[in-house]
Amino acid sequence: MKPVAANIDLDQLRATLEHTWLKRRLLFLLRTERDEWLKAVATEPLPEVLEGIPAQIQQSRHLLSSLLEGYSPAQLIDQGVLAALPREARGLIRDAVHRAYLNSNVMQPLVARFGTALNDVESQAAQVPSAWATGVGNEKLTGVLMNLEYAAEQLRRALLDLPQEVVLP
């Protein structure tokens, strides 16, 4: 197992995605601006928050790919008292701790739920441009925005369920 970036960076990314992007931007605007968006003509550009979803999904995928190792207690072996041990001894302890953490199966269901929710948001967001292009009063756009809101709320809940610190086996 390779050393990973401090989980504080992962928690900061998790918090930014959950609070800043989902709660305060995407979900808020889906709830407050949807009626205005439904009045838009097809030639109007997508709202910035909808246009920016792919970049947020990319950040979310980065988080997803880092979760299992990022919350492993194995990273703690190189800190504190154990840091004084020889590198080989630390490596053996780190591997054993990481195996015990993986065997505890605490993070895997949370990671799977987050991944599923992220895929749902991505799938719903992919439908927005074509639905938007049909213009005013479009029932398809109404459904797509409602489905996107539901998927975004599920993603937010999955982010809230993630730990905020290293997970001990």
Protein backbone atom coordinates (compact mmCIF):
# COMPACT_ATOMS: atom_id res chain seq x y z
CA MET A 1 0.00 0.00 0.00
CA LYS A 2 1.31 3.43 -0.92
CA PRO A 3 1.08 6.31 1.55
CA VAL A 4 -1.90 8.53 0.81
CA ALA A 5 -2.62 12.22 1.21
CA ALA A 6 -3.93 13.19 4.60
CA ASN A 7 -7.59 12.39 5.00
CA ILE A 8 -8.15 16.02 5.98
CA ASP A 9 -7.86 16.86 2.27
CA LEU A 10 -10.47 14.22 1.49
CA ASP A 11 -12.75 15.53 4.21
CA GLN A 12 -12.37 19.06 2.90
CA LEU A 13 -13.25 17.88 -0.61
CA ARG A 14 -16.19 15.87 0.78
CA ALA A 15 -17.45 18.90 2.70
CA THR A 16 -17.04 21.21 -0.29
CA LEU A 17 -18.95 18.86 -2.57
CA GLU A 18 -21.70 18.22 -0.04
CA HIS A 19 -22.21 21.70 1.37
CA THR A 20 -20.97 24.20 -1.19
CA TRP A 21 -21.82 22.48 -4.44
CA LEU A 22 -24.82 20.27 -3.64
CA LYS A 23 -26.62 21.94 -0.74
CA ARG A 24 -25.92 25.62 -1.36
CA ARG A 25 -25.76 25.65 -5.15
CA LEU A 26 -27.22 22.78 -7.15
CA LEU A 27 -30.05 21.70 -4.87
CA PHE A 28 -30.86 25.25 -3.80
CA LEU A 29 -31.10 26.48 -7.39
CA LEU A 30 -32.99 23.41 -8.58
CA ARG A 31 -35.59 24.19 -5.93
CA THR A 32 -35.73 27.96 -6.28
CA GLU A 33 -35.04 28.56 -9.99
CA ARG A 34 -36.68 25.57 -11.65
CA ASP A 35 -39.83 27.50 -12.59
CA GLU A 36 -37.74 30.27 -14.17
CA TRP A 37 -35.61 27.73 -16.00
CA LEU A 38 -38.74 26.09 -17.39
CA LYS A 39 -39.72 29.44 -18.93
CA ALA A 40 -36.40 29.70 -20.76
CA VAL A 41 -36.28 29.47 -24.51
CA ALA A 42 -34.12 26.85 -26.12
CA THR A 43 -31.61 29.41 -27.38
CA GLU A 44 -30.74 30.58 -23.85
CA PRO A 45 -27.55 29.05 -22.44
CA LEU A 46 -27.72 26.50 -19.65
CA PRO A 47 -27.54 28.05 -16.20
CA GLU A 48 -23.97 28.07 -14.88
CA VAL A 49 -24.73 25.58 -12.11
CA LEU A 50 -26.07 23.03 -14.61
CA GLU A 51 -23.26 23.66 -17.05
CA GLY A 52 -20.71 23.08 -14.27
CA ILE A 53 -21.98 19.65 -13.24
CA PRO A 54 -19.37 17.68 -15.26
CA ALA A 55 -16.51 19.44 -13.43
CA GLN A 56 -18.11 18.65 -10.07
CA ILE A 57 -18.62 15.04 -11.12
CA GLN A 58 -14.92 14.86 -11.97
CA GLN A 59 -14.04 16.13 -8.48
CA SER A 60 -16.48 13.62 -7.00
CA ARG A 61 -14.83 10.80 -8.95
CA HIS A 62 -11.46 11.87 -7.56
CA LEU A 63 -12.93 11.62 -4.06
CA LEU A 64 -14.49 8.25 -4.84
CA SER A 65 -11.19 6.82 -6.08
CA SER A 66 -9.40 7.99 -2.92
CA LEU A 67 -11.86 6.92 -0.25
CA LEU A 68 -10.72 3.41 0.66
CA GLU A 69 -7.07 4.29 1.09
CA GLY A 70 -7.69 7.84 2.26
CA TYR A 71 -9.59 6.75 5.35
CA SER A 72 -7.34 3.79 6.16
CA PRO A 73 -5.72 3.91 9.61
CA ALA A 74 -2.55 2.55 7.99
CA GLN A 75 -1.49 6.12 7.27
CA LEU A 76 -1.18 6.71 11.02
CA ILE A 77 1.74 4.25 11.24
CA ASP A 78 4.13 6.90 9.93
CA GLN A 79 3.08 9.36 12.63
CA GLY A 80 3.77 9.55 16.35
CA VAL A 81 5.68 6.87 18.25
CA LEU A 82 5.60 4.30 15.43
CA ALA A 83 7.42 6.67 13.08
CA ALA A 84 10.64 5.85 14.94
CA LEU A 85 10.47 2.18 13.91
CA PRO A 86 12.60 1.01 10.98
CA ARG A 87 10.94 1.42 7.58
CA GLU A 88 10.55 -2.34 7.06
CA ALA A 89 8.81 -2.80 10.42
CA ARG A 90 6.51 0.15 9.70
CA GLY A 91 5.69 -1.37 6.32
CA LEU A 92 4.70 -4.69 7.89
CA ILE A 93 2.54 -2.96 10.51
CA ARG A 94 1.02 -0.64 7.90
CA ASP A 95 0.07 -3.59 5.67
CA ALA A 96 -1.45 -5.54 8.59
CA VAL A 97 -3.46 -2.54 9.78
CA HIS A 98 -4.69 -1.82 6.25
CA ARG A 99 -5.75 -5.46 5.77
CA ALA A 100 -7.65 -5.41 9.07
CA TYR A 101 -9.33 -2.16 8.01
CA LEU A 102 -10.36 -3.63 4.65
CA ASN A 103 -11.55 -6.83 6.33
CA SER A 104 -13.73 -4.79 8.70
CA ASN A 105 -15.81 -3.85 5.62
CA VAL A 106 -16.85 -0.54 7.13
CA MET A 107 -16.01 1.69 4.18
CA GLN A 108 -16.88 -0.53 1.24
CA PRO A 109 -20.69 -0.16 1.51
CA LEU A 110 -20.33 3.61 1.96
CA VAL A 111 -18.06 3.84 -1.07
CA ALA A 112 -20.47 1.71 -3.13
CA ARG A 113 -23.43 3.88 -2.14
CA PHE A 114 -21.52 7.04 -3.00
CA GLY A 115 -20.48 5.57 -6.37
CA THR A 116 -24.04 4.56 -7.23
CA ALA A 117 -25.38 7.99 -6.28
CA LEU A 118 -22.65 9.69 -8.31
CA ASN A 119 -23.48 7.56 -11.36
CA ASP A 120 -27.15 8.53 -10.98
CA VAL A 121 -26.34 12.24 -10.88
CA GLU A 122 -24.09 11.87 -13.91
CA SER A 123 -26.80 9.99 -15.80
CA GLN A 124 -29.47 12.57 -14.99
CA ALA A 125 -27.15 15.50 -15.74
CA ALA A 126 -26.32 14.03 -19.15
CA GLN A 127 -29.99 14.43 -20.11
CA VAL A 128 -30.15 18.14 -19.26
CA PRO A 129 -28.65 19.63 -22.46
CA SER A 130 -30.99 17.79 -24.84
CA ALA A 131 -34.03 18.50 -22.64
CA TRP A 132 -32.99 22.16 -22.35
CA ALA A 133 -32.71 22.46 -26.13
CA THR A 134 -36.44 21.79 -26.56
CA GLY A 135 -37.36 25.05 -24.82
CA VAL A 136 -40.30 26.56 -22.99
CA GLY A 137 -42.87 24.41 -21.22
CA ASN A 138 -41.06 21.20 -21.98
CA GLU A 139 -42.35 18.31 -19.88
CA LYS A 140 -39.16 16.39 -20.55
CA LEU A 141 -37.11 19.19 -18.99
CA THR A 142 -39.42 19.25 -15.97
CA GLY A 143 -38.89 15.53 -15.43
CA VAL A 144 -35.15 15.71 -16.00
CA LEU A 145 -34.75 18.56 -13.48
CA MET A 146 -36.87 16.74 -10.90
CA ASN A 147 -34.87 13.53 -11.40
CA LEU A 148 -31.62 15.48 -11.17
CA GLU A 149 -32.77 17.04 -7.90
CA TYR A 150 -33.63 13.62 -6.46
CA ALA A 151 -30.30 12.13 -7.59
CA ALA A 152 -28.38 15.13 -6.20
CA GLU A 153 -30.10 14.76 -2.84
CA GLN A 154 -29.14 11.06 -2.75
CA LEU A 155 -25.55 12.00 -3.54
CA ARG A 156 -25.58 14.60 -0.78
CA ARG A 157 -26.84 12.01 1.70
CA ALA A 158 -24.15 9.54 0.61
CA LEU A 159 -21.52 12.24 1.20
CA LEU A 160 -22.94 12.99 4.63
CA ASP A 161 -22.66 9.29 5.54
CA LEU A 162 -18.92 9.22 4.83
CA PRO A 163 -16.61 9.41 7.85
CA GLN A 164 -14.86 12.61 8.79
CA GLU A 165 -11.71 10.93 10.04
CA VAL A 166 -9.65 7.77 9.70
CA VAL A 167 -11.70 4.60 10.19
CA LEU A 168 -10.34 2.20 12.77
CA PRO A 169 -10.89 -1.55 12.31
